[in-house]
Amino acid sequence: MILTKKMDVRKLYSHTKRNLWFLVIICSITSISIYYTDRTAFKALSFPNGIIGTALAFLIGFRNNSAYDRWWEARKI
C-alpha cells in the first residue's frame, strides 16, 4: 500500500458525494421540521435511544470483560 501525506479533495468528494448529499438532506429536513413544529414532540424520541444505548453499553462492557479475561488466562499459561 502506498500512502501519501496529500489527499486529493476531488477524489474524496467523488467517493463520498452520495453519502454526503444524503446527510445534508436529512439534516436539513430535521432542522426545518424542528424549527416549524413544537419541540415537545421530539422529546419522546430520545427515550428509545437511551434504552438502546444503555443495553449496548452493557453488552460491550461484558464482551470487553470476557475478552480481557481470556487474554489474562492466556498470559498466565
N, C-alpha and C. Protein backbone atom coordinates (compact mmCIF):
# COMPACT_ATOMS: atom_id res chain seq x y z
N MET A 1 0.84 -1.17 0.00
CA MET A 1 0.00 0.00 0.00
C MET A 1 0.89 1.24 0.00
N ILE A 2 0.58 2.15 -0.88
CA ILE A 2 1.33 3.38 -0.96
C ILE A 2 0.51 4.48 -0.28
N LEU A 3 1.11 5.10 0.71
CA LEU A 3 0.44 6.17 1.44
C LEU A 3 1.16 7.48 1.19
N THR A 4 0.38 8.50 0.92
CA THR A 4 0.95 9.82 0.74
C THR A 4 0.34 10.75 1.78
N LYS A 5 1.01 11.83 2.04
CA LYS A 5 0.51 12.79 3.03
C LYS A 5 -0.54 13.70 2.43
N LYS A 6 -0.57 13.84 1.11
CA LYS A 6 -1.53 14.71 0.47
C LYS A 6 -2.78 13.91 0.08
N MET A 7 -3.93 14.52 0.29
CA MET A 7 -5.18 13.88 -0.09
C MET A 7 -5.87 14.79 -1.10
N ASP A 8 -6.27 14.21 -2.20
CA ASP A 8 -6.96 14.95 -3.23
C ASP A 8 -8.43 15.11 -2.83
N VAL A 9 -8.88 16.33 -2.66
CA VAL A 9 -10.24 16.61 -2.19
C VAL A 9 -11.25 16.18 -3.24
N ARG A 10 -10.93 16.34 -4.50
CA ARG A 10 -11.87 15.94 -5.57
C ARG A 10 -12.09 14.43 -5.56
N LYS A 11 -11.04 13.69 -5.32
CA LYS A 11 -11.17 12.24 -5.28
C LYS A 11 -11.99 11.81 -4.06
N LEU A 12 -11.75 12.46 -2.93
CA LEU A 12 -12.52 12.18 -1.72
C LEU A 12 -13.99 12.50 -1.94
N TYR A 13 -14.28 13.63 -2.56
CA TYR A 13 -15.66 14.01 -2.84
C TYR A 13 -16.32 13.03 -3.80
N SER A 14 -15.59 12.57 -4.80
CA SER A 14 -16.19 11.65 -5.77
C SER A 14 -16.57 10.32 -5.11
N HIS A 15 -15.86 9.93 -4.07
CA HIS A 15 -16.18 8.68 -3.39
C HIS A 15 -17.28 8.84 -2.36
N THR A 16 -17.44 10.04 -1.82
CA THR A 16 -18.38 10.23 -0.72
C THR A 16 -19.56 11.15 -1.06
N LYS A 17 -19.73 11.55 -2.30
CA LYS A 17 -20.75 12.55 -2.62
C LYS A 17 -22.16 12.03 -2.38
N ARG A 18 -22.41 10.76 -2.62
CA ARG A 18 -23.76 10.22 -2.40
C ARG A 18 -24.12 10.27 -0.91
N ASN A 19 -23.22 9.80 -0.07
CA ASN A 19 -23.47 9.82 1.37
C ASN A 19 -23.50 11.25 1.91
N LEU A 20 -22.67 12.11 1.37
CA LEU A 20 -22.62 13.49 1.83
C LEU A 20 -23.93 14.21 1.53
N TRP A 21 -24.45 14.06 0.31
CA TRP A 21 -25.71 14.72 -0.03
C TRP A 21 -26.87 14.14 0.75
N PHE A 22 -26.86 12.84 0.99
CA PHE A 22 -27.90 12.22 1.81
C PHE A 22 -27.88 12.81 3.22
N LEU A 23 -26.71 12.97 3.78
CA LEU A 23 -26.57 13.55 5.11
C LEU A 23 -27.04 15.00 5.15
N VAL A 24 -26.70 15.78 4.13
CA VAL A 24 -27.13 17.17 4.06
C VAL A 24 -28.65 17.27 3.97
N ILE A 25 -29.27 16.42 3.16
CA ILE A 25 -30.72 16.44 3.01
C ILE A 25 -31.41 16.04 4.31
N ILE A 26 -30.95 14.99 4.95
CA ILE A 26 -31.57 14.54 6.20
C ILE A 26 -31.42 15.59 7.29
N CYS A 27 -30.24 16.20 7.40
CA CYS A 27 -30.04 17.24 8.41
C CYS A 27 -30.89 18.47 8.13
N SER A 28 -31.05 18.81 6.88
CA SER A 28 -31.89 19.96 6.52
C SER A 28 -33.35 19.69 6.85
N ILE A 29 -33.84 18.52 6.51
CA ILE A 29 -35.22 18.17 6.83
C ILE A 29 -35.45 18.17 8.33
N THR A 30 -34.52 17.63 9.08
CA THR A 30 -34.65 17.61 10.54
C THR A 30 -34.63 19.02 11.12
N SER A 31 -33.73 19.85 10.65
CA SER A 31 -33.65 21.22 11.16
C SER A 31 -34.92 22.01 10.85
N ILE A 32 -35.42 21.88 9.64
CA ILE A 32 -36.64 22.59 9.26
C ILE A 32 -37.84 22.08 10.06
N SER A 33 -37.93 20.77 10.25
CA SER A 33 -39.07 20.23 11.00
C SER A 33 -39.02 20.64 12.47
N ILE A 34 -37.84 20.71 13.05
CA ILE A 34 -37.73 21.15 14.44
C ILE A 34 -38.05 22.64 14.56
N TYR A 35 -37.66 23.43 13.57
CA TYR A 35 -37.91 24.87 13.62
C TYR A 35 -39.41 25.18 13.50
N TYR A 36 -40.11 24.46 12.64
CA TYR A 36 -41.51 24.78 12.37
C TYR A 36 -42.52 23.98 13.18
N THR A 37 -42.11 23.05 13.99
CA THR A 37 -43.04 22.27 14.79
C THR A 37 -42.77 22.49 16.28
N ASP A 38 -43.63 21.90 17.07
CA ASP A 38 -43.50 22.00 18.52
C ASP A 38 -42.34 21.12 18.98
N ARG A 39 -41.45 21.66 19.77
CA ARG A 39 -40.25 20.91 20.19
C ARG A 39 -40.56 19.83 21.21
N THR A 40 -41.69 19.92 21.88
CA THR A 40 -42.01 18.88 22.87
C THR A 40 -42.34 17.55 22.21
N ALA A 41 -42.69 17.57 20.93
CA ALA A 41 -42.98 16.32 20.22
C ALA A 41 -41.71 15.49 20.03
N PHE A 42 -40.57 16.14 20.00
CA PHE A 42 -39.31 15.43 19.76
C PHE A 42 -38.68 14.89 21.03
N LYS A 43 -39.18 15.30 22.19
CA LYS A 43 -38.60 14.82 23.44
C LYS A 43 -38.88 13.35 23.66
N ALA A 44 -40.01 12.85 23.18
CA ALA A 44 -40.36 11.45 23.35
C ALA A 44 -39.46 10.54 22.51
N LEU A 45 -38.83 11.08 21.50
CA LEU A 45 -37.97 10.27 20.63
C LEU A 45 -36.64 9.89 21.28
N SER A 46 -36.26 10.58 22.34
CA SER A 46 -34.98 10.29 22.97
C SER A 46 -35.06 9.11 23.93
N PHE A 47 -36.25 8.73 24.36
CA PHE A 47 -36.38 7.62 25.30
C PHE A 47 -35.90 6.28 24.73
N PRO A 48 -36.33 5.86 23.52
CA PRO A 48 -35.81 4.60 22.97
C PRO A 48 -34.30 4.62 22.75
N ASN A 49 -33.78 5.77 22.38
CA ASN A 49 -32.33 5.87 22.18
C ASN A 49 -31.57 5.64 23.48
N GLY A 50 -32.11 6.15 24.58
CA GLY A 50 -31.47 5.93 25.88
C GLY A 50 -31.50 4.47 26.30
N ILE A 51 -32.61 3.80 26.06
CA ILE A 51 -32.72 2.38 26.40
C ILE A 51 -31.76 1.55 25.56
N ILE A 52 -31.75 1.80 24.26
CA ILE A 52 -30.86 1.03 23.38
C ILE A 52 -29.40 1.33 23.70
N GLY A 53 -29.09 2.59 24.00
CA GLY A 53 -27.72 2.95 24.35
C GLY A 53 -27.24 2.28 25.63
N THR A 54 -28.13 2.20 26.62
CA THR A 54 -27.77 1.54 27.88
C THR A 54 -27.54 0.05 27.65
N ALA A 55 -28.43 -0.58 26.90
CA ALA A 55 -28.27 -2.01 26.61
C ALA A 55 -26.98 -2.27 25.83
N LEU A 56 -26.69 -1.41 24.88
CA LEU A 56 -25.46 -1.57 24.10
C LEU A 56 -24.22 -1.37 24.97
N ALA A 57 -24.28 -0.44 25.91
CA ALA A 57 -23.14 -0.23 26.81
C ALA A 57 -22.89 -1.46 27.68
N PHE A 58 -23.96 -2.07 28.19
CA PHE A 58 -23.79 -3.31 28.97
C PHE A 58 -23.21 -4.43 28.11
N LEU A 59 -23.72 -4.58 26.89
CA LEU A 59 -23.24 -5.63 26.00
C LEU A 59 -21.76 -5.45 25.69
N ILE A 60 -21.36 -4.25 25.35
CA ILE A 60 -19.95 -4.00 25.03
C ILE A 60 -19.08 -4.18 26.27
N GLY A 61 -19.59 -3.75 27.43
CA GLY A 61 -18.83 -3.92 28.67
C GLY A 61 -18.58 -5.37 29.00
N PHE A 62 -19.62 -6.21 28.88
CA PHE A 62 -19.45 -7.63 29.18
C PHE A 62 -18.54 -8.31 28.16
N ARG A 63 -18.67 -7.94 26.90
CA ARG A 63 -17.79 -8.54 25.89
C ARG A 63 -16.33 -8.14 26.12
N ASN A 64 -16.12 -6.90 26.47
CA ASN A 64 -14.76 -6.43 26.73
C ASN A 64 -14.17 -7.15 27.95
N ASN A 65 -14.99 -7.34 28.97
CA ASN A 65 -14.54 -8.02 30.17
C ASN A 65 -14.18 -9.48 29.88
N SER A 66 -15.01 -10.17 29.10
CA SER A 66 -14.71 -11.57 28.79
C SER A 66 -13.48 -11.69 27.90
N ALA A 67 -13.30 -10.76 26.99
CA ALA A 67 -12.10 -10.80 26.14
C ALA A 67 -10.85 -10.56 26.98
N TYR A 68 -10.93 -9.64 27.93
CA TYR A 68 -9.79 -9.38 28.79
C TYR A 68 -9.51 -10.60 29.66
N ASP A 69 -10.53 -11.28 30.16
CA ASP A 69 -10.31 -12.49 30.96
C ASP A 69 -9.63 -13.58 30.15
N ARG A 70 -10.06 -13.73 28.90
CA ARG A 70 -9.40 -14.73 28.04
C ARG A 70 -7.95 -14.37 27.80
N TRP A 71 -7.67 -13.09 27.57
CA TRP A 71 -6.30 -12.66 27.35
C TRP A 71 -5.46 -12.89 28.61
N TRP A 72 -6.03 -12.62 29.77
CA TRP A 72 -5.28 -12.78 31.02
C TRP A 72 -4.98 -14.25 31.28
N GLU A 73 -5.95 -15.13 31.03
CA GLU A 73 -5.71 -16.57 31.19
C GLU A 73 -4.63 -17.06 30.24
N ALA A 74 -4.65 -16.60 29.01
CA ALA A 74 -3.63 -16.99 28.04
C ALA A 74 -2.27 -16.46 28.47
N ARG A 75 -2.24 -15.29 29.05
CA ARG A 75 -0.97 -14.73 29.52
C ARG A 75 -0.40 -15.55 30.66
N LYS A 76 -1.27 -16.00 31.57
CA LYS A 76 -0.78 -16.78 32.71
C LYS A 76 -0.26 -18.14 32.26
N ILE A 77 -0.89 -18.70 31.24
CA ILE A 77 -0.44 -20.02 30.74
C ILE A 77 0.88 -19.88 30.03
